[in-house]
Each structure stands twice: as structure tokens, then as C-alpha cells.
Amino acid sequence: MIELRHDRLSVRHLVMGGVMALMGMLVMLPAWQDIFLIAYHDEENSHILLVPIIMIYLIAVRRGRFRHCPVNHQALGPVMVAIGWAVSSFGFYRGVQSFWHGGAVLIALGCATSVMGTTVLLRFIPAVAVLAFLVPVPVRIRLQIAIPLQHWTAMVSQRALELCGDLNVEVVGNGLKVNNHPVNIAEACNGVRMVFALLLVSYTFGFGMPLRNSVRGLLLLLSPVAAIFCNVVRVLPTVWMIGYASPAAARFHDYAGWVMLPLAFLILYGIMGVLRWASIPVMRYTLAGQTAA
């Protein structure tokens, strides 16, 4: 239990920090509403809805660190609020959406810091850093990622479908043509939504366990490869159903996207198993709140 001391982070500090963060969100309510609407309606940014849950999880596995967080350097909080306000105002008036949203996130974080201090940010930096995923990915960045993913998804899917032998599959640009039915990889199967969702999954997996930083970096670097693999697993049945003019193809593709997240966890556990099999050390330390094996 967290002790109530004036020089150490207390329950009162946590409650007031949360209240201040909510006040910062209310001040920037239009930006937060826009973030929620984008996450709710745009499937390629739907991973934003997972961020609060993941932040709570990353805090929970480090909960023992609260007792080692003195309340200090609170003056940095107002500085963060001022910077966030400047960035958000620049983004709003110049039409830079990511600056508008990112500034709103920084304001809320600065409001909490003005009460809790900076030590808690440093001790819980993985949970703080995950807030960056709250900012919707700009369209130009999505397009730069989508083009190579379209190509690789189409190529790998064609090779896999050719092994089935009962479908006439050909690559047309960055799409596929299956039994004379065009499949537009660019519209639904480019895997962009899988990249950011699986990057978030890899981040959660890496920082939710006491892994070495090198292993965490490896997991993050392998996220695009895992995204392509999971996307191909999802695309193959979809393409097969499209090839036979099945009306359930679109619905299957949409629902299968969320099924890929558990598959991603299995892939990550598989990577960990391979590293252990190769006698490569993967664990770094035991997180506060967790017992050593």
C-alpha cells in the first residue's frame, strides 16, 4: 500500500494528478473528441482504443515503483503544458493534425506532472511513452508504409495461393486477380492497420516483461514482418472466398483482423522460445510488483 508522506508520492498525489489530467483534457476537448472519432471510425487507427488499457497494464506491472517516487521537479509540469499548448495551437491554425493532437496529449501529461513530479514519469516511462500511440498516424506516413506492404502482401499471397492449385491467381500492380475477380490490396489488405496494432502489441509484450533492451528492440523491429505474416494469414481465406464469389468475404476479413492480435502474441512467444533455445539471454531483471522465478 502507498504510504501517505509529504515527500513521497501518495494516493492524494495520484488522485489529484488524475484530476489535473482530466482538466487538461477538458481544456482541449475538441482535439480529444477528434482523436476518439478517428479511432472509432478509421480502422487504420483503431489501435488507439487499446492505448488506455495498455497504459494501465504497464503501470500495474510496475506498481511497486510508486513507493520509490519522491514528488519533485513539479515546475516542469507547467512548462510541458505551455509547450503542448504552443504545439497544439500551431497544429490547429496551420492544419497539422498530428501537432494538434500531440499537443493535447502533452498538455494532459503536463497537468499530471505538475502534481506528481517528474520522478514518476521516469520510473514509468514505458507507460508514458505508449501515449504517443494516441496520436493518429498522418495519411502521408500511412501511404509510405502501405505501398511496400501492398506489394509484399500481394506477392506472398500469390505464391501461397498457387500452392493450392485450384485458383487462377495473378498479381496486377499491387493487387491480385483471382479467378477473374479483382482483389484490391490497397483498399483493405495492405496491412497498415496490422503494422501499428502489432507494433503496439510488440511494445506491450516487450515492456510488460523484464526483457533486455536488445530483445525489446528486436521485437519492435520484427513487428513489420509479423504484420505481413498475420496479414497474409488473414488475406488468404479472404481471397479464396472472393475467388469463389462468396458474399461473406468482406465480413470475414474485417473480423479476422482482431483475431490476428492473439496470433501476434503467439508469434512473440515463439520468438522468445527460439532465443532461449539458442541460449541467448533474454531476461534483464524482475519488474517491481513481480516475483522472481
C-alpha atoms as a PDB file:
ATOM      1  CA  MET A   1       0.000   0.000   0.000  1.00  0.00           C
ATOM      2  CA  ILE A   2       1.243   3.505  -0.828  1.00  0.00           C
ATOM      3  CA  GLU A   3       2.215   5.435   2.283  1.00  0.00           C
ATOM      4  CA  LEU A   4       0.853   8.927   2.846  1.00  0.00           C
ATOM      5  CA  ARG A   5       4.021  11.016   3.246  1.00  0.00           C
ATOM      6  CA  HIS A   6       4.596  14.573   2.148  1.00  0.00           C
ATOM      7  CA  ASP A   7       7.929  13.816   0.460  1.00  0.00           C
ATOM      8  CA  ARG A   8       6.802  10.673  -1.341  1.00  0.00           C
ATOM      9  CA  LEU A   9       4.155  10.021  -3.951  1.00  0.00           C
ATOM     10  CA  SER A  10       0.890   9.364  -2.135  1.00  0.00           C
ATOM     11  CA  VAL A  11      -2.644   8.358  -3.000  1.00  0.00           C
ATOM     12  CA  ARG A  12      -3.579  12.027  -2.788  1.00  0.00           C
ATOM     13  CA  HIS A  13      -0.957  12.923  -5.390  1.00  0.00           C
ATOM     14  CA  LEU A  14      -2.210  10.183  -7.726  1.00  0.00           C
ATOM     15  CA  VAL A  15      -5.833  11.263  -7.396  1.00  0.00           C
ATOM     16  CA  MET A  16      -5.021  14.944  -7.883  1.00  0.00           C
ATOM     17  CA  GLY A  17      -2.743  14.065 -10.812  1.00  0.00           C
ATOM     18  CA  GLY A  18      -5.606  12.214 -12.464  1.00  0.00           C
ATOM     19  CA  VAL A  19      -7.969  15.120 -11.822  1.00  0.00           C
ATOM     20  CA  MET A  20      -5.480  17.577 -13.310  1.00  0.00           C
ATOM     21  CA  ALA A  21      -5.025  15.347 -16.369  1.00  0.00           C
ATOM     22  CA  LEU A  22      -8.798  15.283 -16.866  1.00  0.00           C
ATOM     23  CA  MET A  23      -8.887  19.075 -16.583  1.00  0.00           C
ATOM     24  CA  GLY A  24      -6.189  19.289 -19.249  1.00  0.00           C
ATOM     25  CA  MET A  25      -8.265  17.012 -21.472  1.00  0.00           C
ATOM     26  CA  LEU A  26     -11.358  19.168 -20.930  1.00  0.00           C
ATOM     27  CA  VAL A  27      -9.430  22.272 -21.973  1.00  0.00           C
ATOM     28  CA  MET A  28      -8.516  20.510 -25.235  1.00  0.00           C
ATOM     29  CA  LEU A  29     -11.810  18.651 -25.548  1.00  0.00           C
ATOM     30  CA  PRO A  30     -12.245  19.255 -29.342  1.00  0.00           C
ATOM     31  CA  ALA A  31      -8.851  17.635 -30.008  1.00  0.00           C
ATOM     32  CA  TRP A  32      -9.654  14.639 -27.798  1.00  0.00           C
ATOM     33  CA  GLN A  33     -13.050  14.248 -29.413  1.00  0.00           C
ATOM     34  CA  ASP A  34     -11.362  14.243 -32.810  1.00  0.00           C
ATOM     35  CA  ILE A  35      -8.890  11.577 -31.663  1.00  0.00           C
ATOM     36  CA  PHE A  36     -11.746   9.368 -30.436  1.00  0.00           C
ATOM     37  CA  LEU A  37     -13.795   9.806 -33.619  1.00  0.00           C
ATOM     38  CA  ILE A  38     -10.795   8.929 -35.796  1.00  0.00           C
ATOM     39  CA  ALA A  39     -10.021   5.856 -33.683  1.00  0.00           C
ATOM     40  CA  TYR A  40     -13.664   4.742 -33.733  1.00  0.00           C
ATOM     41  CA  HIS A  41     -14.387   5.265 -37.424  1.00  0.00           C
ATOM     42  CA  ASP A  42     -10.969   4.785 -39.089  1.00  0.00           C
ATOM     43  CA  GLU A  43      -9.920   1.128 -38.909  1.00  0.00           C
ATOM     44  CA  GLU A  44      -6.306   2.004 -39.647  1.00  0.00           C
ATOM     45  CA  ASN A  45      -6.194   3.999 -36.380  1.00  0.00           C
ATOM     46  CA  SER A  46      -8.368   1.662 -34.320  1.00  0.00           C
ATOM     47  CA  HIS A  47      -5.302   0.628 -32.277  1.00  0.00           C
ATOM     48  CA  ILE A  48      -5.719   3.934 -30.392  1.00  0.00           C
ATOM     49  CA  LEU A  49      -8.619   2.374 -28.484  1.00  0.00           C
ATOM     50  CA  LEU A  50      -6.165  -0.112 -26.923  1.00  0.00           C
ATOM     51  CA  VAL A  51      -3.750   2.527 -25.606  1.00  0.00           C
ATOM     52  CA  PRO A  52      -5.524   3.313 -22.276  1.00  0.00           C
ATOM     53  CA  ILE A  53      -5.773  -0.407 -21.457  1.00  0.00           C
ATOM     54  CA  ILE A  54      -2.113  -0.974 -22.269  1.00  0.00           C
ATOM     55  CA  MET A  55      -1.025   2.070 -20.252  1.00  0.00           C
ATOM     56  CA  ILE A  56      -2.886   0.738 -17.200  1.00  0.00           C
ATOM     57  CA  TYR A  57      -1.278  -2.686 -17.692  1.00  0.00           C
ATOM     58  CA  LEU A  58       2.244  -1.251 -17.950  1.00  0.00           C
ATOM     59  CA  ILE A  59       1.645   0.759 -14.767  1.00  0.00           C
ATOM     60  CA  ALA A  60       0.259  -2.284 -12.967  1.00  0.00           C
ATOM     61  CA  VAL A  61       3.326  -4.448 -13.628  1.00  0.00           C
ATOM     62  CA  ARG A  62       5.497  -1.640 -12.206  1.00  0.00           C
ATOM     63  CA  ARG A  63       3.225  -0.714  -9.305  1.00  0.00           C
ATOM     64  CA  GLY A  64       5.932  -1.440  -6.709  1.00  0.00           C
ATOM     65  CA  ARG A  65       7.881   1.555  -8.000  1.00  0.00           C
ATOM     66  CA  PHE A  66       5.356   4.001  -6.575  1.00  0.00           C
ATOM     67  CA  ARG A  67       6.940   3.732  -3.138  1.00  0.00           C
ATOM     68  CA  HIS A  68      10.254   4.937  -4.589  1.00  0.00           C
ATOM     69  CA  CYS A  69       8.882   8.060  -6.286  1.00  0.00           C
ATOM     70  CA  PRO A  70       9.565  11.315  -4.408  1.00  0.00           C
ATOM     71  CA  VAL A  71       7.478  14.291  -5.509  1.00  0.00           C
ATOM     72  CA  ASN A  72       9.945  16.718  -7.085  1.00  0.00           C
ATOM     73  CA  HIS A  73      10.544  18.976 -10.089  1.00  0.00           C
ATOM     74  CA  GLN A  74       6.828  19.780 -10.301  1.00  0.00           C
ATOM     75  CA  ALA A  75       7.631  23.073 -12.054  1.00  0.00           C
ATOM     76  CA  LEU A  76       8.341  21.110 -15.227  1.00  0.00           C
ATOM     77  CA  GLY A  77       4.621  20.364 -15.482  1.00  0.00           C
ATOM     78  CA  PRO A  78       3.570  23.944 -16.381  1.00  0.00           C
ATOM     79  CA  VAL A  79       6.450  24.077 -18.887  1.00  0.00           C
ATOM     80  CA  MET A  80       5.098  20.934 -20.570  1.00  0.00           C
ATOM     81  CA  VAL A  81       1.621  22.463 -20.610  1.00  0.00           C
ATOM     82  CA  ALA A  82       2.959  25.636 -22.253  1.00  0.00           C
ATOM     83  CA  ILE A  83       4.872  23.647 -24.882  1.00  0.00           C
ATOM     84  CA  GLY A  84       1.841  21.448 -25.525  1.00  0.00           C
ATOM     85  CA  TRP A  85      -0.375  24.496 -25.926  1.00  0.00           C
ATOM     86  CA  ALA A  86       2.060  26.069 -28.395  1.00  0.00           C
ATOM     87  CA  VAL A  87       2.368  22.849 -30.422  1.00  0.00           C
ATOM     88  CA  SER A  88      -1.369  22.244 -30.433  1.00  0.00           C
ATOM     89  CA  SER A  89      -2.150  25.848 -31.421  1.00  0.00           C
ATOM     90  CA  PHE A  90       0.382  25.666 -34.256  1.00  0.00           C
ATOM     91  CA  GLY A  91      -1.168  22.432 -35.472  1.00  0.00           C
ATOM     92  CA  PHE A  92      -4.705  23.796 -35.265  1.00  0.00           C
ATOM     93  CA  TYR A  93      -4.062  27.042 -37.123  1.00  0.00           C
ATOM     94  CA  ARG A  94      -1.631  25.537 -39.660  1.00  0.00           C
ATOM     95  CA  GLY A  95      -3.707  22.436 -40.323  1.00  0.00           C
ATOM     96  CA  VAL A  96      -1.147  19.948 -38.976  1.00  0.00           C
ATOM     97  CA  GLN A  97      -3.397  17.368 -37.357  1.00  0.00           C
ATOM     98  CA  SER A  98      -0.666  15.379 -35.590  1.00  0.00           C
ATOM     99  CA  PHE A  99       0.617  18.553 -33.869  1.00  0.00           C
ATOM    100  CA  TRP A 100      -2.905  19.445 -32.734  1.00  0.00           C
ATOM    101  CA  HIS A 101      -3.458  16.003 -31.255  1.00  0.00           C
ATOM    102  CA  GLY A 102       0.074  15.577 -29.911  1.00  0.00           C
ATOM    103  CA  GLY A 103      -0.080  18.940 -28.147  1.00  0.00           C
ATOM    104  CA  ALA A 104      -3.336  17.923 -26.464  1.00  0.00           C
ATOM    105  CA  VAL A 105      -1.705  14.729 -25.148  1.00  0.00           C
ATOM    106  CA  LEU A 106       1.293  16.722 -23.863  1.00  0.00           C
ATOM    107  CA  ILE A 107      -0.993  19.193 -22.070  1.00  0.00           C
ATOM    108  CA  ALA A 108      -2.759  16.388 -20.182  1.00  0.00           C
ATOM    109  CA  LEU A 109       0.597  14.827 -19.280  1.00  0.00           C
ATOM    110  CA  GLY A 110       1.963  18.193 -18.132  1.00  0.00           C
ATOM    111  CA  CYS A 111      -1.069  18.761 -15.923  1.00  0.00           C
ATOM    112  CA  ALA A 112      -0.468  15.432 -14.182  1.00  0.00           C
ATOM    113  CA  THR A 113       3.261  16.145 -13.861  1.00  0.00           C
ATOM    114  CA  SER A 114       2.559  19.476 -12.134  1.00  0.00           C
ATOM    115  CA  VAL A 115       1.127  17.468  -9.226  1.00  0.00           C
ATOM    116  CA  MET A 116       3.075  14.193  -9.228  1.00  0.00           C
ATOM    117  CA  GLY A 117       6.504  15.462 -10.320  1.00  0.00           C
ATOM    118  CA  THR A 118       8.926  14.103 -12.894  1.00  0.00           C
ATOM    119  CA  THR A 119      10.315  11.100 -10.994  1.00  0.00           C
ATOM    120  CA  VAL A 120       7.143   9.113 -11.585  1.00  0.00           C
ATOM    121  CA  LEU A 121       7.451   9.838 -15.326  1.00  0.00           C
ATOM    122  CA  LEU A 122      10.980   8.458 -15.398  1.00  0.00           C
ATOM    123  CA  ARG A 123      10.145   5.347 -13.376  1.00  0.00           C
ATOM    124  CA  PHE A 124       7.085   4.650 -15.523  1.00  0.00           C
ATOM    125  CA  ILE A 125       8.480   5.856 -18.844  1.00  0.00           C
ATOM    126  CA  PRO A 126       7.200   2.832 -20.851  1.00  0.00           C
ATOM    127  CA  ALA A 127       3.641   3.635 -19.731  1.00  0.00           C
ATOM    128  CA  VAL A 128       4.189   7.318 -20.546  1.00  0.00           C
ATOM    129  CA  ALA A 129       5.775   6.624 -23.935  1.00  0.00           C
ATOM    130  CA  VAL A 130       2.824   4.487 -25.046  1.00  0.00           C
ATOM    131  CA  LEU A 131       0.735   7.685 -25.034  1.00  0.00           C
ATOM    132  CA  ALA A 132       2.442   8.544 -28.334  1.00  0.00           C
ATOM    133  CA  PHE A 133       0.199   5.916 -29.923  1.00  0.00           C
ATOM    134  CA  LEU A 134      -2.772   8.143 -29.087  1.00  0.00           C
ATOM    135  CA  VAL A 135      -1.791  10.460 -31.931  1.00  0.00           C
ATOM    136  CA  PRO A 136      -3.460   9.264 -35.161  1.00  0.00           C
ATOM    137  CA  VAL A 137      -0.970   8.337 -37.860  1.00  0.00           C
ATOM    138  CA  PRO A 138      -0.825  11.039 -40.583  1.00  0.00           C
ATOM    139  CA  VAL A 139      -2.061   9.979 -44.006  1.00  0.00           C
ATOM    140  CA  ARG A 140       1.277  10.632 -45.730  1.00  0.00           C
ATOM    141  CA  ILE A 141       3.068   8.286 -43.331  1.00  0.00           C
ATOM    142  CA  ARG A 142       0.402   5.615 -43.798  1.00  0.00           C
ATOM    143  CA  LEU A 143       0.819   5.845 -47.569  1.00  0.00           C
ATOM    144  CA  GLN A 144       4.592   5.467 -47.353  1.00  0.00           C
ATOM    145  CA  ILE A 145       4.116   2.298 -45.330  1.00  0.00           C
ATOM    146  CA  ALA A 146       1.182   0.998 -47.364  1.00  0.00           C
ATOM    147  CA  ILE A 147       2.922   0.912 -50.768  1.00  0.00           C
ATOM    148  CA  PRO A 148       5.621  -1.659 -49.895  1.00  0.00           C
ATOM    149  CA  LEU A 149       3.136  -3.631 -47.791  1.00  0.00           C
ATOM    150  CA  GLN A 150       0.734  -3.816 -50.710  1.00  0.00           C
ATOM    151  CA  HIS A 151       3.474  -5.214 -52.918  1.00  0.00           C
ATOM    152  CA  TRP A 152       4.790  -7.788 -50.443  1.00  0.00           C
ATOM    153  CA  THR A 153       1.314  -8.886 -49.355  1.00  0.00           C
ATOM    154  CA  ALA A 154       0.276  -9.403 -52.974  1.00  0.00           C
ATOM    155  CA  MET A 155       3.452 -11.336 -53.846  1.00  0.00           C
ATOM    156  CA  VAL A 156       3.393 -13.601 -50.790  1.00  0.00           C
ATOM    157  CA  SER A 157      -0.353 -14.205 -51.143  1.00  0.00           C
ATOM    158  CA  GLN A 158       0.044 -15.167 -54.800  1.00  0.00           C
ATOM    159  CA  ARG A 159       2.794 -17.671 -54.009  1.00  0.00           C
ATOM    160  CA  ALA A 160       0.746 -19.201 -51.202  1.00  0.00           C
ATOM    161  CA  LEU A 161      -2.444 -19.398 -53.269  1.00  0.00           C
ATOM    162  CA  GLU A 162      -0.595 -21.017 -56.169  1.00  0.00           C
ATOM    163  CA  LEU A 163       0.248 -23.903 -53.849  1.00  0.00           C
ATOM    164  CA  CYS A 164      -3.483 -24.586 -53.510  1.00  0.00           C
ATOM    165  CA  GLY A 165      -3.627 -25.328 -57.245  1.00  0.00           C
ATOM    166  CA  ASP A 166      -7.336 -24.697 -57.724  1.00  0.00           C
ATOM    167  CA  LEU A 167      -7.261 -20.917 -58.150  1.00  0.00           C
ATOM    168  CA  ASN A 168      -6.059 -18.806 -61.058  1.00  0.00           C
ATOM    169  CA  VAL A 169      -4.082 -16.060 -59.311  1.00  0.00           C
ATOM    170  CA  GLU A 170      -2.047 -13.253 -60.834  1.00  0.00           C
ATOM    171  CA  VAL A 171      -0.516 -10.067 -59.480  1.00  0.00           C
ATOM    172  CA  VAL A 172      -1.907  -6.912 -61.118  1.00  0.00           C
ATOM    173  CA  GLY A 173       0.051  -3.894 -59.897  1.00  0.00           C
ATOM    174  CA  ASN A 174      -0.152  -4.087 -56.111  1.00  0.00           C
ATOM    175  CA  GLY A 175      -3.349  -6.136 -56.231  1.00  0.00           C
ATOM    176  CA  LEU A 176      -4.461  -9.630 -57.141  1.00  0.00           C
ATOM    177  CA  LYS A 177      -6.796 -11.108 -59.705  1.00  0.00           C
ATOM    178  CA  VAL A 178      -8.341 -14.366 -58.539  1.00  0.00           C
ATOM    179  CA  ASN A 179     -10.489 -16.327 -60.984  1.00  0.00           C
ATOM    180  CA  ASN A 180     -11.008 -13.047 -62.854  1.00  0.00           C
ATOM    181  CA  HIS A 181     -12.222 -11.336 -59.653  1.00  0.00           C
ATOM    182  CA  PRO A 182     -10.035  -8.295 -58.819  1.00  0.00           C
ATOM    183  CA  VAL A 183      -8.845  -8.042 -55.204  1.00  0.00           C
ATOM    184  CA  ASN A 184      -7.711  -4.543 -54.347  1.00  0.00           C
ATOM    185  CA  ILE A 185      -4.929  -4.952 -51.821  1.00  0.00           C
ATOM    186  CA  ALA A 186      -4.666  -1.179 -51.479  1.00  0.00           C
ATOM    187  CA  GLU A 187      -8.163  -0.800 -50.039  1.00  0.00           C
ATOM    188  CA  ALA A 188      -8.371  -3.396 -47.310  1.00  0.00           C
ATOM    189  CA  CYS A 189      -5.427  -5.793 -47.327  1.00  0.00           C
ATOM    190  CA  ASN A 190      -2.328  -3.606 -47.213  1.00  0.00           C
ATOM    191  CA  GLY A 191      -1.764  -4.389 -43.535  1.00  0.00           C
ATOM    192  CA  VAL A 192      -1.223  -0.810 -42.373  1.00  0.00           C
ATOM    193  CA  ARG A 193      -3.691  -1.281 -39.541  1.00  0.00           C
ATOM    194  CA  MET A 194      -1.883  -4.508 -38.659  1.00  0.00           C
ATOM    195  CA  VAL A 195       1.515  -2.785 -38.540  1.00  0.00           C
ATOM    196  CA  PHE A 196       0.561  -0.249 -35.901  1.00  0.00           C
ATOM    197  CA  ALA A 197      -1.608  -2.685 -33.957  1.00  0.00           C
ATOM    198  CA  LEU A 198       1.180  -5.286 -33.899  1.00  0.00           C
ATOM    199  CA  LEU A 199       3.776  -2.632 -33.101  1.00  0.00           C
ATOM    200  CA  LEU A 200       1.642  -1.790 -30.078  1.00  0.00           C
ATOM    201  CA  VAL A 201       1.334  -5.486 -29.216  1.00  0.00           C
ATOM    202  CA  SER A 202       5.114  -5.942 -29.501  1.00  0.00           C
ATOM    203  CA  TYR A 203       5.684  -2.851 -27.346  1.00  0.00           C
ATOM    204  CA  THR A 204       3.316  -4.193 -24.694  1.00  0.00           C
ATOM    205  CA  PHE A 205       4.905  -7.632 -24.794  1.00  0.00           C
ATOM    206  CA  GLY A 206       8.433  -6.237 -24.610  1.00  0.00           C
ATOM    207  CA  PHE A 207       7.889  -3.737 -21.804  1.00  0.00           C
ATOM    208  CA  GLY A 208       5.393  -5.873 -19.908  1.00  0.00           C
ATOM    209  CA  MET A 209       8.146  -8.419 -19.264  1.00  0.00           C
ATOM    210  CA  PRO A 210      11.632  -7.918 -17.776  1.00  0.00           C
ATOM    211  CA  LEU A 211      13.443  -8.336 -21.087  1.00  0.00           C
ATOM    212  CA  ARG A 212      16.787  -6.985 -22.170  1.00  0.00           C
ATOM    213  CA  ASN A 213      16.571  -3.785 -24.186  1.00  0.00           C
ATOM    214  CA  SER A 214      18.211  -5.527 -27.139  1.00  0.00           C
ATOM    215  CA  VAL A 215      15.446  -8.138 -27.144  1.00  0.00           C
ATOM    216  CA  ARG A 216      12.817  -5.422 -26.907  1.00  0.00           C
ATOM    217  CA  GLY A 217      14.378  -3.664 -29.878  1.00  0.00           C
ATOM    218  CA  LEU A 218      14.417  -6.931 -31.830  1.00  0.00           C
ATOM    219  CA  LEU A 219      10.713  -7.482 -31.161  1.00  0.00           C
ATOM    220  CA  LEU A 220       9.876  -3.973 -32.349  1.00  0.00           C
ATOM    221  CA  LEU A 221      11.994  -4.407 -35.487  1.00  0.00           C
ATOM    222  CA  LEU A 222      10.220  -7.672 -36.285  1.00  0.00           C
ATOM    223  CA  SER A 223       6.783  -6.045 -35.994  1.00  0.00           C
ATOM    224  CA  PRO A 224       6.506  -5.267 -39.751  1.00  0.00           C
ATOM    225  CA  VAL A 225       7.481  -8.864 -40.603  1.00  0.00           C
ATOM    226  CA  ALA A 226       4.897 -10.199 -38.149  1.00  0.00           C
ATOM    227  CA  ALA A 227       2.351  -7.785 -39.624  1.00  0.00           C
ATOM    228  CA  ILE A 228       2.941  -9.114 -43.139  1.00  0.00           C
ATOM    229  CA  PHE A 229       2.689 -12.710 -41.908  1.00  0.00           C
ATOM    230  CA  CYS A 230      -0.527 -12.073 -39.965  1.00  0.00           C
ATOM    231  CA  ASN A 231      -1.978 -10.069 -42.834  1.00  0.00           C
ATOM    232  CA  VAL A 232      -1.266 -12.875 -45.305  1.00  0.00           C
ATOM    233  CA  VAL A 233      -2.910 -15.361 -42.922  1.00  0.00           C
ATOM    234  CA  ARG A 234      -5.962 -13.101 -42.935  1.00  0.00           C
ATOM    235  CA  VAL A 235      -5.861 -12.346 -46.666  1.00  0.00           C
ATOM    236  CA  LEU A 236      -5.580 -15.934 -47.935  1.00  0.00           C
ATOM    237  CA  PRO A 237      -9.050 -17.094 -46.794  1.00  0.00           C
ATOM    238  CA  THR A 238     -10.479 -13.735 -47.879  1.00  0.00           C
ATOM    239  CA  VAL A 239      -9.004 -14.030 -51.361  1.00  0.00           C
ATOM    240  CA  TRP A 240     -10.143 -17.645 -51.598  1.00  0.00           C
ATOM    241  CA  MET A 241     -13.724 -16.597 -50.763  1.00  0.00           C
ATOM    242  CA  ILE A 242     -13.560 -13.707 -53.222  1.00  0.00           C
ATOM    243  CA  GLY A 243     -12.307 -16.101 -55.879  1.00  0.00           C
ATOM    244  CA  TYR A 244     -15.441 -18.179 -55.398  1.00  0.00           C
ATOM    245  CA  ALA A 245     -17.657 -15.071 -55.138  1.00  0.00           C
ATOM    246  CA  SER A 246     -18.559 -15.677 -51.504  1.00  0.00           C
ATOM    247  CA  PRO A 247     -20.660 -12.835 -50.019  1.00  0.00           C
ATOM    248  CA  ALA A 248     -19.070 -13.396 -46.584  1.00  0.00           C
ATOM    249  CA  ALA A 249     -15.570 -12.401 -47.723  1.00  0.00           C
ATOM    250  CA  ALA A 250     -15.700  -8.756 -46.618  1.00  0.00           C
ATOM    251  CA  ARG A 251     -17.182  -9.582 -43.214  1.00  0.00           C
ATOM    252  CA  PHE A 252     -14.644 -12.347 -42.630  1.00  0.00           C
ATOM    253  CA  HIS A 253     -11.769 -10.005 -43.466  1.00  0.00           C
ATOM    254  CA  ASP A 254     -12.951  -7.333 -41.015  1.00  0.00           C
ATOM    255  CA  TYR A 255     -13.442  -9.700 -38.079  1.00  0.00           C
ATOM    256  CA  ALA A 256     -10.280 -11.673 -38.776  1.00  0.00           C
ATOM    257  CA  GLY A 257      -8.177  -8.556 -38.195  1.00  0.00           C
ATOM    258  CA  TRP A 258      -8.781  -8.667 -34.442  1.00  0.00           C
ATOM    259  CA  VAL A 259      -8.101 -12.401 -34.342  1.00  0.00           C
ATOM    260  CA  MET A 260      -4.594 -11.648 -35.568  1.00  0.00           C
ATOM    261  CA  LEU A 261      -3.683  -9.941 -32.275  1.00  0.00           C
ATOM    262  CA  PRO A 262      -3.697 -13.207 -30.269  1.00  0.00           C
ATOM    263  CA  LEU A 263      -1.766 -14.782 -33.134  1.00  0.00           C
ATOM    264  CA  ALA A 264       0.808 -11.988 -32.802  1.00  0.00           C
ATOM    265  CA  PHE A 265       1.283 -12.854 -29.113  1.00  0.00           C
ATOM    266  CA  LEU A 266       1.896 -16.489 -30.080  1.00  0.00           C
ATOM    267  CA  ILE A 267       4.469 -15.360 -32.645  1.00  0.00           C
ATOM    268  CA  LEU A 268       6.251 -13.268 -29.998  1.00  0.00           C
ATOM    269  CA  TYR A 269       6.269 -16.193 -27.575  1.00  0.00           C
ATOM    270  CA  GLY A 270       7.669 -18.313 -30.398  1.00  0.00           C
ATOM    271  CA  ILE A 271      10.484 -15.819 -30.959  1.00  0.00           C
ATOM    272  CA  MET A 272      11.250 -15.892 -27.235  1.00  0.00           C
ATOM    273  CA  GLY A 273      11.319 -19.684 -27.340  1.00  0.00           C
ATOM    274  CA  VAL A 274      13.766 -19.666 -30.252  1.00  0.00           C
ATOM    275  CA  LEU A 275      16.049 -17.207 -28.430  1.00  0.00           C
ATOM    276  CA  ARG A 276      16.015 -19.357 -25.299  1.00  0.00           C
ATOM    277  CA  TRP A 277      16.645 -22.471 -27.390  1.00  0.00           C
ATOM    278  CA  ALA A 278      19.681 -20.716 -28.877  1.00  0.00           C
ATOM    279  CA  SER A 279      20.875 -19.955 -25.303  1.00  0.00           C
ATOM    280  CA  ILE A 280      20.549 -16.224 -25.906  1.00  0.00           C
ATOM    281  CA  PRO A 281      19.817 -14.355 -22.645  1.00  0.00           C
ATOM    282  CA  VAL A 282      16.519 -12.507 -22.898  1.00  0.00           C
ATOM    283  CA  MET A 283      15.646 -11.521 -19.322  1.00  0.00           C
ATOM    284  CA  ARG A 284      17.135  -8.419 -17.756  1.00  0.00           C
ATOM    285  CA  TYR A 285      15.595  -8.007 -14.317  1.00  0.00           C
ATOM    286  CA  THR A 286      12.415  -8.624 -12.358  1.00  0.00           C
ATOM    287  CA  LEU A 287       9.877  -5.813 -12.599  1.00  0.00           C
ATOM    288  CA  ALA A 288       8.694  -4.242  -9.359  1.00  0.00           C
ATOM    289  CA  GLY A 289       5.485  -5.941  -8.366  1.00  0.00           C
ATOM    290  CA  GLN A 290       6.542  -9.246  -9.942  1.00  0.00           C
ATOM    291  CA  THR A 291       8.178 -12.141  -8.098  1.00  0.00           C
ATOM    292  CA  ALA A 292      11.348 -13.701  -9.365  1.00  0.00           C
ATOM    293  CA  ALA A 293      11.042 -17.096 -10.938  1.00  0.00           C
END
